[in-house]
Amino acid sequence: MRNLVILMYLRLVFSQNISFSVGETLTYDAFISGIPAGSGELKVCDIDTISNLPVYHVQFRAWTTGFTKKLYPLDDKINIWLDQESLNTIKVIKKIKQGSYKKNSISHLNHSEGWAIVDGDSIPIPTGTQSPYALFYLFRNKNLFSLDKSIFPTIDGKKIENLTFSFVPNQRTNVPFGSFISNKLEPSHTQGKKFKNKGEMSIWFSDNSVQIPIKILLRLKYGSLELRLKDYTN
């Protein structure tokens, strides 16, 4: 028990440079294929434990409202648990509703042994495999310039993609929350093909110490979802 307390204390000490904290909430205006559609949210819910490992519980949500909800009912909710020290993805619970497409899944990642349990099935995973949605937080604690041409294996359900991210600096980005100089990270397949599947994302991070994702572009089952930062609370 004493060793567990010491381990948790050391993890807390060495995670103090994390650029977000419990309670941080980012809210977004959502656009589907360029049309105002609803809202999105990224939230650091709390600190939890999984198998005695301290983890951040974070949540991504996106949903349509009003007339757009009738045309394209979107209600995505992804809960993610990240190792408090490394920000590695430990657990993911996905509830996806995009039009007529619905998909729920639960994933547990064991990085030390190189496997994941996805909806009861065991699959091997490469070292450093992350949920695509965990990248909103993982990248905030990286030197974004150093990520240019870096390869990240991602897991979405049972599908694993090796992605290379391109760094595009000094982007003037206007969102409802304000006008920012941002740095953009954009993925492609390691084979150099344009990344067209439903997991595609580009992220514009504010060019400051907290590196907030001020704009996010996601490929949906049908069309694309763009999130523009509306409010930030911490």
Foldseek 3Di string as FASTA:
>chain_A
DVVLVVVVVVLVVQLVLQLDDAFKKWKWQKDFQNHGFFIKMKHFHHWDDDPSFIWTKIKIWDFGDDPNCVVWGWTKIKIFIARSRQRATAKIWIFTDTRPDTDTKIKGDDQVVQWMQIRNDIDGHDHQEHALVSCQRNVQSDPLVVQAQPWHWYDDRNDIFIKRWHKDFQDFDQFQVGTAGWIKIFIAGPVRHRDDAQAGKMFTFGPDNRRHGQWMWTRHNPTIMIIGTNDIDD
